[in-house]
Amino acid sequence: MLDEMNITPLFSHEKMKTCRILPAAITGGHSETAATRVDKHVGWQLRFQRQKLGLSVTSVARACNIPSTDWAAYENGDCRPSAGLLMTMARALEVPLSYFFEGL
């Protein structure tokens, strides 16, 4: 399904590291700050839509040109995708960008 979609990533994975664990300076040293609650919510939305479409982590990660381990980290809210990557993810999951922030 995704192989036929011809999704073009908005960035080159080789030029940037896609997954960065949030530093304590951003989270304030706390595990439940506003930033991490948003990250967890976006991750839940990623997982929910992927499962709704019946897609594997491997297939959507491949469509977004990222390692499946990074996709899993985004779904868990452990990492924050860049704006360009989030747009690519939205295309792969067939949702508008705003979908990830619904319910906040």
Protein backbone atom coordinates (compact mmCIF):
# COMPACT_ATOMS: atom_id res chain seq x y z
CA MET A 1 0.00 0.00 0.00
CA LEU A 2 2.61 2.55 1.06
CA ASP A 3 5.05 1.47 -1.63
CA GLU A 4 2.53 2.64 -4.21
CA MET A 5 2.05 6.05 -2.55
CA ASN A 6 5.40 7.51 -3.69
CA ILE A 7 5.81 9.62 -0.58
CA THR A 8 8.81 11.88 -0.91
CA PRO A 9 10.42 12.73 2.43
CA LEU A 10 10.88 16.44 3.02
CA PHE A 11 14.40 15.88 4.34
CA SER A 12 17.35 13.59 3.82
CA HIS A 13 17.77 11.10 6.66
CA GLU A 14 21.48 10.81 5.91
CA LYS A 15 22.00 14.50 6.68
CA MET A 16 20.31 14.57 10.06
CA LYS A 17 19.69 12.41 13.07
CA THR A 18 15.92 11.95 13.25
CA CYS A 19 15.60 10.85 16.84
CA ARG A 20 16.90 12.90 19.71
CA ILE A 21 16.14 12.10 23.32
CA LEU A 22 14.90 15.28 24.96
CA PRO A 23 17.60 16.89 27.10
CA ALA A 24 16.91 17.79 30.71
CA ALA A 25 17.14 21.50 29.77
CA ILE A 26 13.97 21.09 27.68
CA THR A 27 12.07 18.80 30.03
CA GLY A 28 13.17 20.63 33.16
CA GLY A 29 14.40 17.33 34.54
CA HIS A 30 10.81 16.15 34.99
CA SER A 31 9.26 13.26 33.12
CA GLU A 32 5.80 14.87 32.74
CA THR A 33 6.30 18.40 31.48
CA ALA A 34 4.00 20.07 28.95
CA ALA A 35 6.47 19.28 26.16
CA THR A 36 6.58 15.56 26.93
CA ARG A 37 2.77 15.37 27.31
CA VAL A 38 2.49 16.77 23.78
CA ASP A 39 5.14 14.35 22.51
CA LYS A 40 3.26 11.42 24.07
CA HIS A 41 -0.02 12.65 22.56
CA VAL A 42 1.53 12.94 19.09
CA GLY A 43 2.99 9.46 19.54
CA TRP A 44 -0.39 8.05 20.51
CA GLN A 45 -1.92 9.65 17.41
CA LEU A 46 0.83 8.15 15.24
CA ARG A 47 0.23 4.66 16.65
CA PHE A 48 -3.56 4.92 16.54
CA GLN A 49 -3.66 5.99 12.88
CA ARG A 50 -1.02 3.46 11.81
CA GLN A 51 -2.95 0.63 13.45
CA LYS A 52 -6.25 1.95 12.07
CA LEU A 53 -4.79 1.67 8.56
CA GLY A 54 -3.40 -1.79 9.35
CA LEU A 55 0.18 -0.76 8.63
CA SER A 56 3.34 -2.12 10.22
CA VAL A 57 5.97 0.05 11.87
CA THR A 58 8.44 -1.13 9.24
CA SER A 59 6.26 -0.08 6.31
CA VAL A 60 5.49 3.44 7.56
CA ALA A 61 9.08 3.99 8.67
CA ARG A 62 10.27 2.96 5.21
CA ALA A 63 7.76 5.34 3.58
CA CYS A 64 9.16 8.17 5.74
CA ASN A 65 12.78 7.18 5.11
CA ILE A 66 13.58 6.62 8.78
CA PRO A 67 14.64 3.53 10.76
CA SER A 68 11.78 1.58 12.30
CA THR A 69 13.43 2.02 15.71
CA ASP A 70 13.03 5.80 15.31
CA TRP A 71 9.35 5.40 14.36
CA ALA A 72 8.83 3.32 17.52
CA ALA A 73 10.51 6.03 19.61
CA TYR A 74 8.18 8.66 18.10
CA GLU A 75 5.14 6.49 18.85
CA ASN A 76 6.31 6.08 22.44
CA GLY A 77 6.79 9.83 22.80
CA ASP A 78 10.46 9.33 23.57
CA CYS A 79 11.54 11.47 20.62
CA ARG A 80 10.15 14.56 18.93
CA PRO A 81 9.90 14.55 15.11
CA SER A 82 10.95 17.64 13.19
CA ALA A 83 8.26 19.66 11.43
CA GLY A 84 9.31 18.25 8.04
CA LEU A 85 9.24 14.68 9.30
CA LEU A 86 5.85 15.20 10.94
CA MET A 87 4.51 16.41 7.58
CA THR A 88 5.90 13.30 5.87
CA MET A 89 4.34 11.13 8.58
CA ALA A 90 0.98 12.83 8.04
CA ARG A 91 1.16 12.04 4.32
CA ALA A 92 2.11 8.42 4.99
CA LEU A 93 -0.81 8.04 7.42
CA GLU A 94 -3.23 9.92 5.14
CA VAL A 95 -4.15 12.58 7.72
CA PRO A 96 -3.79 16.37 7.88
CA LEU A 97 -0.94 17.71 9.99
CA SER A 98 -3.46 19.06 12.50
CA TYR A 99 -4.58 15.48 13.28
CA PHE A 100 -1.59 14.95 15.56
CA PHE A 101 -2.66 17.82 17.82
CA GLU A 102 -6.39 17.09 18.04
CA GLY A 103 -7.57 16.72 21.60
CA LEU A 104 -4.81 18.77 23.22
